[in-house]
C-alpha atoms as a PDB file:
ATOM      1  CA  MET A   1      69.340-165.591-150.819  1.00  0.00           C
ATOM      2  CA  THR A   2      68.338-165.739-154.304  1.00  0.00           C
ATOM      3  CA  PRO A   3      71.358-166.348-157.044  1.00  0.00           C
ATOM      4  CA  GLY A   4      70.541-163.135-158.667  1.00  0.00           C
ATOM      5  CA  SER A   5      70.490-161.230-155.083  1.00  0.00           C
ATOM      6  CA  GLY A   6      74.483-161.549-155.716  1.00  0.00           C
ATOM      7  CA  ALA A   7      74.281-159.586-158.866  1.00  0.00           C
ATOM      8  CA  VAL A   8      72.219-156.919-157.390  1.00  0.00           C
ATOM      9  CA  ALA A   9      74.600-157.186-154.720  1.00  0.00           C
ATOM     10  CA  ALA A  10      77.876-156.490-156.925  1.00  0.00           C
ATOM     11  CA  ARG A  11      75.579-153.368-158.580  1.00  0.00           C
ATOM     12  CA  ILE A  12      75.072-152.004-154.979  1.00  0.00           C
ATOM     13  CA  GLY A  13      78.511-151.955-154.448  1.00  0.00           C
ATOM     14  CA  GLU A  14      80.036-150.203-157.862  1.00  0.00           C
ATOM     15  CA  ALA A  15      77.368-147.340-156.926  1.00  0.00           C
ATOM     16  CA  VAL A  16      78.606-146.864-153.084  1.00  0.00           C
ATOM     17  CA  ARG A  17      82.180-146.685-154.983  1.00  0.00           C
ATOM     18  CA  ARG A  18      81.075-144.380-157.623  1.00  0.00           C
ATOM     19  CA  TRP A  19      80.211-142.035-154.876  1.00  0.00           C
ATOM     20  CA  LEU A  20      82.245-142.671-152.324  1.00  0.00           C
ATOM     21  CA  ASP A  21      85.218-141.804-155.120  1.00  0.00           C
ATOM     22  CA  ALA A  22      83.319-138.583-155.468  1.00  0.00           C
ATOM     23  CA  LEU A  23      83.751-137.426-153.247  1.00  0.00           C
ATOM     24  CA  ASP A  24      86.857-134.922-151.409  1.00  0.00           C
ATOM     25  CA  PRO A  25      89.143-136.557-148.376  1.00  0.00           C
ATOM     26  CA  GLY A  26      86.903-133.783-145.957  1.00  0.00           C
ATOM     27  CA  GLN A  27      83.099-135.624-147.373  1.00  0.00           C
ATOM     28  CA  ALA A  28      84.756-138.870-146.985  1.00  0.00           C
ATOM     29  CA  ALA A  29      85.774-138.631-143.304  1.00  0.00           C
ATOM     30  CA  ARG A  30      82.101-137.485-142.427  1.00  0.00           C
ATOM     31  CA  ALA A  31      80.337-140.064-145.308  1.00  0.00           C
ATOM     32  CA  ALA A  32      82.588-143.680-144.304  1.00  0.00           C
ATOM     33  CA  PHE A  33      82.141-145.829-141.158  1.00  0.00           C
ATOM     34  CA  ARG A  34      84.094-148.673-139.895  1.00  0.00           C
ATOM     35  CA  PHE A  35      81.453-151.818-140.093  1.00  0.00           C
ATOM     36  CA  GLU A  36      81.569-152.084-136.111  1.00  0.00           C
ATOM     37  CA  SER A  37      80.141-149.000-136.019  1.00  0.00           C
ATOM     38  CA  ALA A  38      76.829-148.754-133.505  1.00  0.00           C
ATOM     39  CA  ASP A  39      75.635-145.831-135.831  1.00  0.00           C
ATOM     40  CA  ARG A  40      75.473-148.674-138.028  1.00  0.00           C
ATOM     41  CA  PHE A  41      71.706-149.291-136.694  1.00  0.00           C
ATOM     42  CA  ALA A  42      70.771-145.725-135.517  1.00  0.00           C
ATOM     43  CA  TRP A  43      67.823-145.001-137.887  1.00  0.00           C
ATOM     44  CA  ASP A  44      64.923-142.610-138.068  1.00  0.00           C
ATOM     45  CA  TYR A  45      62.290-141.611-139.669  1.00  0.00           C
ATOM     46  CA  LEU A  46      61.024-138.702-137.756  1.00  0.00           C
ATOM     47  CA  PRO A  47      63.055-135.213-138.857  1.00  0.00           C
ATOM     48  CA  GLY A  48      66.730-134.328-137.835  1.00  0.00           C
ATOM     49  CA  GLU A  49      69.832-134.328-138.416  1.00  0.00           C
ATOM     50  CA  ARG A  50      71.620-138.009-139.498  1.00  0.00           C
ATOM     51  CA  LYS A  51      74.884-138.905-139.804  1.00  0.00           C
ATOM     52  CA  GLY A  52      77.221-138.912-143.155  1.00  0.00           C
ATOM     53  CA  LEU A  53      76.787-136.604-145.968  1.00  0.00           C
ATOM     54  CA  GLY A  54      73.990-134.639-146.360  1.00  0.00           C
ATOM     55  CA  LEU A  55      72.616-133.581-149.672  1.00  0.00           C
ATOM     56  CA  GLY A  56      73.014-130.120-148.785  1.00  0.00           C
ATOM     57  CA  ASP A  57      76.656-130.722-148.477  1.00  0.00           C
ATOM     58  CA  MET A  58      76.654-132.020-151.935  1.00  0.00           C
ATOM     59  CA  THR A  59      78.442-131.158-155.836  1.00  0.00           C
ATOM     60  CA  VAL A  60      75.074-131.898-158.445  1.00  0.00           C
ATOM     61  CA  ASP A  61      76.958-134.874-159.470  1.00  0.00           C
ATOM     62  CA  GLN A  62      77.845-135.961-155.877  1.00  0.00           C
ATOM     63  CA  ARG A  63      74.361-136.423-155.795  1.00  0.00           C
ATOM     64  CA  THR A  64      73.769-137.930-159.305  1.00  0.00           C
ATOM     65  CA  ALA A  65      76.060-140.377-158.178  1.00  0.00           C
ATOM     66  CA  ALA A  66      74.389-140.502-154.622  1.00  0.00           C
ATOM     67  CA  MET A  67      70.908-141.254-156.162  1.00  0.00           C
ATOM     68  CA  ALA A  68      72.212-143.787-158.178  1.00  0.00           C
ATOM     69  CA  MET A  69      73.349-145.927-154.943  1.00  0.00           C
ATOM     70  CA  VAL A  70      68.651-146.200-154.429  1.00  0.00           C
ATOM     71  CA  ASP A  71      68.352-146.796-157.905  1.00  0.00           C
ATOM     72  CA  ALA A  72      70.767-149.663-157.563  1.00  0.00           C
ATOM     73  CA  ALA A  73      69.792-151.083-154.512  1.00  0.00           C
ATOM     74  CA  MET A  74      65.955-150.511-155.225  1.00  0.00           C
ATOM     75  CA  SER A  75      62.778-151.191-158.183  1.00  0.00           C
ATOM     76  CA  ASP A  76      62.024-148.254-159.794  1.00  0.00           C
ATOM     77  CA  ARG A  77      59.230-147.346-158.075  1.00  0.00           C
ATOM     78  CA  GLY A  78      60.785-148.017-154.694  1.00  0.00           C
ATOM     79  CA  ALA A  79      63.825-145.429-155.898  1.00  0.00           C
ATOM     80  CA  SER A  80      60.760-143.011-157.459  1.00  0.00           C
ATOM     81  CA  GLU A  81      59.479-143.200-154.470  1.00  0.00           C
ATOM     82  CA  VAL A  82      62.269-142.122-152.473  1.00  0.00           C
ATOM     83  CA  ARG A  83      62.262-139.124-154.731  1.00  0.00           C
ATOM     84  CA  ALA A  84      58.946-138.532-154.561  1.00  0.00           C
ATOM     85  CA  ILE A  85      59.185-138.105-150.532  1.00  0.00           C
ATOM     86  CA  ILE A  86      61.969-136.056-150.957  1.00  0.00           C
ATOM     87  CA  ALA A  87      60.361-133.630-153.025  1.00  0.00           C
ATOM     88  CA  LEU A  88      57.415-133.350-150.099  1.00  0.00           C
ATOM     89  CA  GLU A  89      59.493-131.652-148.123  1.00  0.00           C
ATOM     90  CA  PRO A  90      59.437-127.641-149.775  1.00  0.00           C
ATOM     91  CA  ILE A  91      55.530-128.627-150.163  1.00  0.00           C
ATOM     92  CA  LEU A  92      55.195-129.413-146.437  1.00  0.00           C
ATOM     93  CA  GLY A  93      57.018-126.384-145.610  1.00  0.00           C
ATOM     94  CA  GLU A  94      54.980-124.558-147.468  1.00  0.00           C
ATOM     95  CA  LEU A  95      51.692-126.073-146.079  1.00  0.00           C
ATOM     96  CA  GLU A  96      52.896-125.782-142.498  1.00  0.00           C
ATOM     97  CA  ARG A  97      53.312-121.977-142.949  1.00  0.00           C
ATOM     98  CA  LEU A  98      50.487-121.177-144.660  1.00  0.00           C
ATOM     99  CA  ALA A  99      48.713-122.609-141.252  1.00  0.00           C
ATOM    100  CA  GLY A 100      50.899-120.826-139.286  1.00  0.00           C
ATOM    101  CA  ARG A 101      52.884-123.238-138.540  1.00  0.00           C
ATOM    102  CA  GLN A 102      56.172-122.313-140.227  1.00  0.00           C
ATOM    103  CA  PHE A 103      58.064-122.669-136.678  1.00  0.00           C
ATOM    104  CA  GLY A 104      58.438-126.608-136.706  1.00  0.00           C
ATOM    105  CA  PRO A 105      60.905-128.588-138.070  1.00  0.00           C
ATOM    106  CA  ARG A 106      63.431-127.641-141.135  1.00  0.00           C
ATOM    107  CA  ARG A 107      61.984-128.708-144.307  1.00  0.00           C
ATOM    108  CA  ASP A 108      64.147-129.185-146.977  1.00  0.00           C
ATOM    109  CA  PRO A 109      64.937-132.141-149.514  1.00  0.00           C
ATOM    110  CA  ASP A 110      68.815-131.319-148.849  1.00  0.00           C
ATOM    111  CA  LEU A 111      68.681-132.877-145.672  1.00  0.00           C
ATOM    112  CA  TYR A 112      68.513-136.090-146.354  1.00  0.00           C
ATOM    113  CA  TRP A 113      72.291-138.074-145.351  1.00  0.00           C
ATOM    114  CA  PHE A 114      73.715-140.867-146.508  1.00  0.00           C
ATOM    115  CA  ALA A 115      76.424-143.230-144.977  1.00  0.00           C
ATOM    116  CA  VAL A 116      78.760-146.480-146.117  1.00  0.00           C
ATOM    117  CA  PHE A 117      79.822-148.638-143.330  1.00  0.00           C
ATOM    118  CA  GLY A 118      82.418-150.959-144.396  1.00  0.00           C
ATOM    119  CA  GLU A 119      84.569-151.530-147.533  1.00  0.00           C
ATOM    120  CA  PRO A 120      82.533-152.148-150.367  1.00  0.00           C
ATOM    121  CA  GLY A 121      83.520-154.602-152.520  1.00  0.00           C
ATOM    122  CA  GLY A 122      84.687-158.370-151.569  1.00  0.00           C
ATOM    123  CA  ASP A 123      83.731-160.955-148.859  1.00  0.00           C
ATOM    124  CA  ASP A 124      83.611-158.463-146.260  1.00  0.00           C
ATOM    125  CA  PRO A 125      80.313-157.153-144.976  1.00  0.00           C
ATOM    126  CA  TRP A 126      79.409-154.124-145.393  1.00  0.00           C
ATOM    127  CA  ALA A 127      76.196-151.693-145.672  1.00  0.00           C
ATOM    128  CA  TRP A 128      75.633-148.352-146.643  1.00  0.00           C
ATOM    129  CA  ARG A 129      71.738-146.255-146.325  1.00  0.00           C
ATOM    130  CA  VAL A 130      69.935-142.746-146.876  1.00  0.00           C
ATOM    131  CA  GLY A 131      68.081-141.306-143.875  1.00  0.00           C
ATOM    132  CA  GLY A 132      65.876-138.042-143.904  1.00  0.00           C
ATOM    133  CA  HIS A 133      62.616-137.339-143.185  1.00  0.00           C
ATOM    134  CA  HIS A 134      60.292-140.561-144.381  1.00  0.00           C
ATOM    135  CA  VAL A 135      63.436-142.002-146.001  1.00  0.00           C
ATOM    136  CA  ALA A 136      65.269-144.808-143.910  1.00  0.00           C
ATOM    137  CA  ILE A 137      66.525-147.152-146.254  1.00  0.00           C
ATOM    138  CA  HIS A 138      69.724-149.608-146.399  1.00  0.00           C
ATOM    139  CA  SER A 139      71.841-152.975-147.749  1.00  0.00           C
ATOM    140  CA  THR A 140      73.653-155.224-146.004  1.00  0.00           C
ATOM    141  CA  VAL A 141      75.974-157.871-147.869  1.00  0.00           C
ATOM    142  CA  ALA A 142      78.116-159.972-146.952  1.00  0.00           C
ATOM    143  CA  ASP A 143      79.879-162.812-148.942  1.00  0.00           C
ATOM    144  CA  GLY A 144      79.004-160.505-152.200  1.00  0.00           C
ATOM    145  CA  ARG A 145      74.900-160.905-151.592  1.00  0.00           C
ATOM    146  CA  VAL A 146      72.388-159.055-150.265  1.00  0.00           C
ATOM    147  CA  ILE A 147      72.014-160.475-146.706  1.00  0.00           C
ATOM    148  CA  GLY A 148      69.498-157.732-145.202  1.00  0.00           C
ATOM    149  CA  SER A 149      67.580-154.816-146.124  1.00  0.00           C
ATOM    150  CA  ALA A 150      64.971-154.744-143.324  1.00  0.00           C
ATOM    151  CA  PRO A 151      63.928-152.266-141.325  1.00  0.00           C
ATOM    152  CA  ALA A 152      62.588-150.791-143.874  1.00  0.00           C
ATOM    153  CA  PHE A 153      60.267-147.317-143.748  1.00  0.00           C
ATOM    154  CA  LEU A 154      58.696-144.863-145.875  1.00  0.00           C
ATOM    155  CA  GLY A 155      56.308-142.258-145.092  1.00  0.00           C
ATOM    156  CA  ALA A 156      54.605-139.421-146.752  1.00  0.00           C
ATOM    157  CA  ASN A 157      53.722-135.767-145.237  1.00  0.00           C
ATOM    158  CA  PRO A 158      50.996-134.845-147.189  1.00  0.00           C
ATOM    159  CA  ALA A 159      49.422-138.295-148.219  1.00  0.00           C
ATOM    160  CA  THR A 160      47.845-136.341-150.527  1.00  0.00           C
ATOM    161  CA  VAL A 161      48.868-132.677-151.690  1.00  0.00           C
ATOM    162  CA  PRO A 162      45.791-130.975-150.843  1.00  0.00           C
ATOM    163  CA  SER A 163      46.511-127.547-153.181  1.00  0.00           C
ATOM    164  CA  GLY A 164      48.870-126.045-155.689  1.00  0.00           C
ATOM    165  CA  PRO A 165      50.733-126.831-158.862  1.00  0.00           C
ATOM    166  CA  SER A 166      51.256-130.625-157.507  1.00  0.00           C
ATOM    167  CA  ALA A 167      47.173-131.221-156.104  1.00  0.00           C
ATOM    168  CA  GLY A 168      46.284-134.822-156.036  1.00  0.00           C
ATOM    169  CA  ARG A 169      50.048-136.440-155.891  1.00  0.00           C
ATOM    170  CA  ARG A 170      50.404-138.593-153.904  1.00  0.00           C
ATOM    171  CA  ALA A 171      54.414-140.240-153.290  1.00  0.00           C
ATOM    172  CA  LEU A 172      52.806-143.468-151.512  1.00  0.00           C
ATOM    173  CA  ASP A 173      49.613-144.849-152.802  1.00  0.00           C
ATOM    174  CA  GLY A 174      49.371-148.711-153.160  1.00  0.00           C
ATOM    175  CA  GLU A 175      49.884-149.646-148.988  1.00  0.00           C
ATOM    176  CA  GLU A 176      46.488-148.044-149.093  1.00  0.00           C
ATOM    177  CA  ALA A 177      44.472-148.925-152.115  1.00  0.00           C
ATOM    178  CA  ILE A 178      45.301-152.868-151.441  1.00  0.00           C
ATOM    179  CA  ALA A 179      44.553-152.863-147.968  1.00  0.00           C
ATOM    180  CA  ARG A 180      41.290-151.149-148.847  1.00  0.00           C
ATOM    181  CA  THR A 181      41.243-153.632-151.278  1.00  0.00           C
ATOM    182  CA  LEU A 182      41.479-156.621-148.719  1.00  0.00           C
ATOM    183  CA  LEU A 183      39.553-155.233-146.209  1.00  0.00           C
ATOM    184  CA  GLY A 184      36.460-154.376-148.093  1.00  0.00           C
ATOM    185  CA  SER A 185      37.058-157.638-149.484  1.00  0.00           C
ATOM    186  CA  LEU A 186      36.459-159.499-145.733  1.00  0.00           C
ATOM    187  CA  SER A 187      32.696-161.162-144.767  1.00  0.00           C
ATOM    188  CA  PRO A 188      31.255-159.119-142.050  1.00  0.00           C
ATOM    189  CA  VAL A 189      32.318-162.354-139.850  1.00  0.00           C
ATOM    190  CA  GLN A 190      35.587-161.926-140.780  1.00  0.00           C
ATOM    191  CA  ARG A 191      35.215-157.843-139.911  1.00  0.00           C
ATOM    192  CA  GLN A 192      34.698-158.989-136.501  1.00  0.00           C
ATOM    193  CA  VAL A 193      38.652-160.487-136.415  1.00  0.00           C
ATOM    194  CA  ALA A 194      39.836-158.425-138.534  1.00  0.00           C
ATOM    195  CA  VAL A 195      38.946-155.273-136.860  1.00  0.00           C
ATOM    196  CA  VAL A 196      40.906-154.636-133.275  1.00  0.00           C
ATOM    197  CA  SER A 197      39.376-150.902-132.708  1.00  0.00           C
ATOM    198  CA  PRO A 198      37.640-148.476-134.236  1.00  0.00           C
ATOM    199  CA  THR A 199      40.500-145.766-133.388  1.00  0.00           C
ATOM    200  CA  ALA A 200      43.493-145.750-135.282  1.00  0.00           C
ATOM    201  CA  PRO A 201      46.955-145.476-132.592  1.00  0.00           C
ATOM    202  CA  TRP A 202      48.937-142.162-133.662  1.00  0.00           C
ATOM    203  CA  ASP A 203      51.631-144.421-134.391  1.00  0.00           C
ATOM    204  CA  ILE A 204      52.926-147.449-135.535  1.00  0.00           C
ATOM    205  CA  HIS A 205      54.416-149.435-132.564  1.00  0.00           C
ATOM    206  CA  THR A 206      57.352-150.607-133.261  1.00  0.00           C
ATOM    207  CA  GLY A 207      58.656-146.880-134.095  1.00  0.00           C
ATOM    208  CA  ASN A 208      62.167-146.373-134.388  1.00  0.00           C
ATOM    209  CA  ARG A 209      63.876-148.703-131.890  1.00  0.00           C
ATOM    210  CA  PRO A 210      66.518-150.638-133.232  1.00  0.00           C
ATOM    211  CA  ARG A 211      64.882-153.468-132.474  1.00  0.00           C
ATOM    212  CA  ALA A 212      61.612-154.403-133.238  1.00  0.00           C
ATOM    213  CA  ASP A 213      59.389-155.023-130.263  1.00  0.00           C
ATOM    214  CA  VAL A 214      55.543-156.352-131.469  1.00  0.00           C
ATOM    215  CA  ARG A 215      54.192-156.719-128.309  1.00  0.00           C
ATOM    216  CA  GLU A 216      51.724-153.746-128.952  1.00  0.00           C
ATOM    217  CA  VAL A 217      51.068-155.107-132.449  1.00  0.00           C
ATOM    218  CA  PRO A 218      47.844-156.072-133.096  1.00  0.00           C
ATOM    219  CA  THR A 219      47.505-159.183-134.555  1.00  0.00           C
ATOM    220  CA  GLY A 220      43.652-159.695-136.350  1.00  0.00           C
ATOM    221  CA  ILE A 221      42.048-162.572-139.335  1.00  0.00           C
ATOM    222  CA  ARG A 222      45.011-165.319-140.067  1.00  0.00           C
ATOM    223  CA  TYR A 223      45.991-166.336-143.323  1.00  0.00           C
ATOM    224  CA  ASP A 224      44.617-170.194-143.256  1.00  0.00           C
ATOM    225  CA  ASP A 225      41.594-168.391-142.335  1.00  0.00           C
ATOM    226  CA  LEU A 226      40.627-166.308-146.039  1.00  0.00           C
ATOM    227  CA  THR A 227      39.569-167.184-149.036  1.00  0.00           C
ATOM    228  CA  ALA A 228      41.854-168.646-151.654  1.00  0.00           C
ATOM    229  CA  GLU A 229      41.718-164.507-153.390  1.00  0.00           C
ATOM    230  CA  GLN A 230      41.722-162.950-150.252  1.00  0.00           C
ATOM    231  CA  ARG A 231      45.126-165.030-149.582  1.00  0.00           C
ATOM    232  CA  THR A 232      46.263-163.104-153.060  1.00  0.00           C
ATOM    233  CA  ARG A 233      45.460-160.256-151.739  1.00  0.00           C
ATOM    234  CA  LEU A 234      46.750-160.573-148.646  1.00  0.00           C
ATOM    235  CA  GLU A 235      50.342-161.905-150.762  1.00  0.00           C
ATOM    236  CA  ARG A 236      50.204-158.815-153.166  1.00  0.00           C
ATOM    237  CA  LEU A 237      49.776-156.423-149.817  1.00  0.00           C
ATOM    238  CA  ILE A 238      53.156-158.029-148.995  1.00  0.00           C
ATOM    239  CA  ARG A 239      55.000-157.911-151.736  1.00  0.00           C
ATOM    240  CA  HIS A 240      54.105-153.767-151.941  1.00  0.00           C
ATOM    241  CA  TYR A 241      56.316-153.779-148.978  1.00  0.00           C
ATOM    242  CA  LEU A 242      59.260-156.019-150.048  1.00  0.00           C
ATOM    243  CA  ASP A 243      58.850-154.802-153.842  1.00  0.00           C
ATOM    244  CA  ARG A 244      60.214-151.485-153.001  1.00  0.00           C
ATOM    245  CA  GLY A 245      63.267-152.925-152.919  1.00  0.00           C
ATOM    246  CA  ALA A 246      65.197-154.146-156.464  1.00  0.00           C
ATOM    247  CA  THR A 247      63.923-157.555-158.008  1.00  0.00           C
ATOM    248  CA  GLU A 248      66.197-160.028-156.777  1.00  0.00           C
ATOM    249  CA  ILE A 249      66.369-158.692-152.931  1.00  0.00           C
ATOM    250  CA  ALA A 250      61.907-158.694-153.053  1.00  0.00           C
ATOM    251  CA  GLU A 251      62.538-162.937-154.199  1.00  0.00           C
ATOM    252  CA  ALA A 252      65.355-163.480-152.070  1.00  0.00           C
ATOM    253  CA  GLU A 253      62.264-161.635-149.051  1.00  0.00           C
ATOM    254  CA  TRP A 254      59.434-163.457-150.170  1.00  0.00           C
ATOM    255  CA  ASP A 255      61.273-167.084-150.517  1.00  0.00           C
ATOM    256  CA  ARG A 256      62.498-166.277-146.315  1.00  0.00           C
ATOM    257  CA  ILE A 257      58.934-165.327-144.883  1.00  0.00           C
ATOM    258  CA  ARG A 258      56.760-168.352-147.177  1.00  0.00           C
ATOM    259  CA  ALA A 259      60.085-171.041-146.618  1.00  0.00           C
ATOM    260  CA  ALA A 260      58.816-169.654-142.101  1.00  0.00           C
ATOM    261  CA  ASP A 261      54.966-170.693-143.280  1.00  0.00           C
ATOM    262  CA  LEU A 262      52.277-167.722-144.639  1.00  0.00           C
ATOM    263  CA  ALA A 263      49.567-169.625-142.260  1.00  0.00           C
ATOM    264  CA  PRO A 264      50.120-168.124-139.441  1.00  0.00           C
ATOM    265  CA  VAL A 265      50.554-164.644-140.764  1.00  0.00           C
ATOM    266  CA  THR A 266      47.391-162.503-139.644  1.00  0.00           C
ATOM    267  CA  PHE A 267      46.037-159.281-140.813  1.00  0.00           C
ATOM    268  CA  ALA A 268      44.986-156.711-138.156  1.00  0.00           C
ATOM    269  CA  TRP A 269      43.101-153.814-139.169  1.00  0.00           C
ATOM    270  CA  ALA A 270      42.516-150.265-136.875  1.00  0.00           C
ATOM    271  CA  GLY A 271      40.278-147.044-137.201  1.00  0.00           C
ATOM    272  CA  SER A 272      37.534-146.101-140.057  1.00  0.00           C
ATOM    273  CA  ASP A 273      37.203-148.038-143.052  1.00  0.00           C
ATOM    274  CA  VAL A 274      35.904-144.509-144.328  1.00  0.00           C
ATOM    275  CA  PRO A 275      38.998-142.909-146.382  1.00  0.00           C
ATOM    276  CA  GLY A 276      39.554-139.482-145.184  1.00  0.00           C
ATOM    277  CA  ARG A 277      39.533-141.099-141.568  1.00  0.00           C
ATOM    278  CA  GLY A 278      42.009-142.193-139.570  1.00  0.00           C
ATOM    279  CA  HIS A 279      43.310-145.453-140.094  1.00  0.00           C
ATOM    280  CA  TYR A 280      46.482-148.251-139.490  1.00  0.00           C
ATOM    281  CA  TYR A 281      46.561-152.215-140.031  1.00  0.00           C
ATOM    282  CA  ALA A 282      49.552-154.352-139.487  1.00  0.00           C
ATOM    283  CA  ILE A 283      50.361-157.290-140.977  1.00  0.00           C
ATOM    284  CA  ARG A 284      52.416-159.873-138.637  1.00  0.00           C
ATOM    285  CA  GLY A 285      53.747-163.765-139.788  1.00  0.00           C
ATOM    286  CA  PRO A 286      56.492-165.444-137.375  1.00  0.00           C
ATOM    287  CA  THR A 287      59.469-163.837-138.872  1.00  0.00           C
ATOM    288  CA  PHE A 288      58.225-160.361-139.964  1.00  0.00           C
ATOM    289  CA  VAL A 289      55.923-157.828-139.317  1.00  0.00           C
ATOM    290  CA  ILE A 290      54.551-154.675-141.474  1.00  0.00           C
ATOM    291  CA  GLU A 291      52.599-151.978-140.047  1.00  0.00           C
ATOM    292  CA  TYR A 292      50.860-148.761-141.614  1.00  0.00           C
ATOM    293  CA  ASP A 293      49.185-146.125-139.744  1.00  0.00           C
ATOM    294  CA  ASN A 294      47.640-142.695-141.659  1.00  0.00           C
ATOM    295  CA  THR A 295      45.949-140.724-138.519  1.00  0.00           C
ATOM    296  CA  GLN A 296      48.590-137.759-138.227  1.00  0.00           C
ATOM    297  CA  ASN A 297      47.871-134.094-139.990  1.00  0.00           C
ATOM    298  CA  GLY A 298      43.847-135.097-140.515  1.00  0.00           C
ATOM    299  CA  ALA A 299      44.548-138.605-141.499  1.00  0.00           C
ATOM    300  CA  ASN A 300      47.040-136.700-144.143  1.00  0.00           C
ATOM    301  CA  HIS A 301      50.658-138.391-142.798  1.00  0.00           C
ATOM    302  CA  ILE A 302      51.664-141.938-143.997  1.00  0.00           C
ATOM    303  CA  HIS A 303      53.971-143.946-141.527  1.00  0.00           C
ATOM    304  CA  SER A 304      54.681-147.401-143.329  1.00  0.00           C
ATOM    305  CA  VAL A 305      57.519-150.106-142.253  1.00  0.00           C
ATOM    306  CA  TRP A 306      58.710-153.615-142.747  1.00  0.00           C
ATOM    307  CA  ARG A 307      60.608-155.264-139.939  1.00  0.00           C
ATOM    308  CA  ASP A 308      62.204-158.852-140.412  1.00  0.00           C
ATOM    309  CA  LEU A 309      62.318-159.394-136.860  1.00  0.00           C
ATOM    310  CA  THR A 310      64.635-162.925-137.376  1.00  0.00           C
ATOM    311  CA  ASN A 311      67.378-160.299-140.047  1.00  0.00           C
ATOM    312  CA  ASP A 312      66.554-157.020-139.018  1.00  0.00           C
ATOM    313  CA  TRP A 313      69.747-155.346-140.122  1.00  0.00           C
ATOM    314  CA  GLY A 314      71.146-158.251-142.202  1.00  0.00           C
ATOM    315  CA  GLU A 315      71.805-159.842-138.066  1.00  0.00           C
ATOM    316  CA  ASP A 316      70.698-163.738-138.529  1.00  0.00           C
ATOM    317  CA  LEU A 317      72.791-164.434-141.840  1.00  0.00           C
ATOM    318  CA  LEU A 318      75.668-162.062-140.595  1.00  0.00           C
ATOM    319  CA  ALA A 319      76.066-164.477-138.089  1.00  0.00           C
ATOM    320  CA  ALA A 320      76.085-167.366-140.229  1.00  0.00           C
ATOM    321  CA  HIS A 321      78.432-165.745-142.581  1.00  0.00           C
ATOM    322  CA  TYR A 322      80.887-165.472-139.347  1.00  0.00           C
ATOM    323  CA  ARG A 323      80.042-168.924-138.898  1.00  0.00           C
ATOM    324  CA  GLN A 324      81.736-169.918-141.020  1.00  0.00           C
ATOM    325  CA  GLY A 325      84.085-167.390-141.406  1.00  0.00           C
ATOM    326  CA  ILE A 326      85.665-169.578-138.548  1.00  0.00           C
ATOM    327  CA  ALA A 327      84.682-172.706-139.800  1.00  0.00           C
ATOM    328  CA  ARG A 328      86.722-172.313-142.880  1.00  0.00           C
ATOM    329  CA  THR A 329      89.516-170.692-139.834  1.00  0.00           C
ATOM    330  CA  VAL A 330      89.771-173.549-137.999  1.00  0.00           C
ATOM    331  CA  SER A 331      89.404-176.400-140.718  1.00  0.00           C
ATOM    332  CA  ARG A 332      92.970-174.744-142.534  1.00  0.00           C
ATOM    333  CA  ALA A 333      94.650-174.559-139.215  1.00  0.00           C
ATOM    334  CA  GLU A 334      94.226-178.314-137.881  1.00  0.00           C
ATOM    335  CA  PRO A 335      96.583-179.699-141.010  1.00  0.00           C
ATOM    336  CA  LYS A 336      99.061-176.650-139.675  1.00  0.00           C
ATOM    337  CA  ALA A 337      98.349-177.390-135.734  1.00  0.00           C
ATOM    338  CA  ALA A 338      99.206-180.978-137.032  1.00  0.00           C
ATOM    339  CA  THR A 339     102.364-180.426-138.308  1.00  0.00           C
ATOM    340  CA  ARG A 340     103.570-178.588-135.779  1.00  0.00           C
ATOM    341  CA  THR A 341     102.518-181.697-133.123  1.00  0.00           C
ATOM    342  CA  ASP A 342     104.361-184.090-136.309  1.00  0.00           C
ATOM    343  CA  ARG A 343     107.718-181.745-135.680  1.00  0.00           C
ATOM    344  CA  GLU A 344     108.143-181.497-131.826  1.00  0.00           C
ATOM    345  CA  ARG A 345     107.329-185.551-131.767  1.00  0.00           C
ATOM    346  CA  THR A 346     110.627-186.110-133.853  1.00  0.00           C
END
């Protein structure tokens, strides 16, 4: 991890502690879980209730404290996107009502749940998360550092607000714009490799599984088969996903990706290259996968996710934390065992 990742972990921990301290005992019982809880690995981007404490069950001050956790863990852009996605819920509800589809899921900006796993602060592992429709964000901390922030999902429906006071507003924009710039720069020969299907899939292939299954995620043109300018564009697209997180976290994740080698990273596109029509892309590397899909609701409904194939939920670095802990325990125990043996010999 980068040296600054300890500072952001402290910042997140302070925000989480302030939120927990603002809750009454009943609320705290709903919000806090053991770090070992299996629910730490439960995540979803579809509508529906989550475990934790919902925004609708918080006071105004508690809501402010909850969103301060988002601010601490994410960049200014990322935190703004989360707020914009939440603000789309009543707009989506009104669009569905006007279309005669008001009997579907309840669209409500109060239906976002916050949860904490373990005790913030100190060296023991802990995590926090926020989840609701089109938002699934979390951080895992150990040894006073952020060791994991994937999987990370953001979506938007509508992708572009079609009418009303917010007409034209987009909660997520760079995911499509940067990818289109890269696609448009490819030569005809390169496009034959990068465009894997004329039809985009209905949704991201990895879905909401706790462990990413990438067997159906397509590969396309390799990073080392791009020009220098195209490589820069692909890097910018990858960084756009990472830069949802706080700068220190994004830099640490980028270092891990580069360390694993950019050469075999691929960019694949499926569907139309015409804006407003269904399209999909995937970026696959040795250690990560990014998926973006915009096909539903007349190609006005974005799903986008970043998965760390070796370190989702911080599991790879968490394993290292536990191994180091065992080594430290053994190291401290060995002299005591020797002393006890010496006493027995006397």
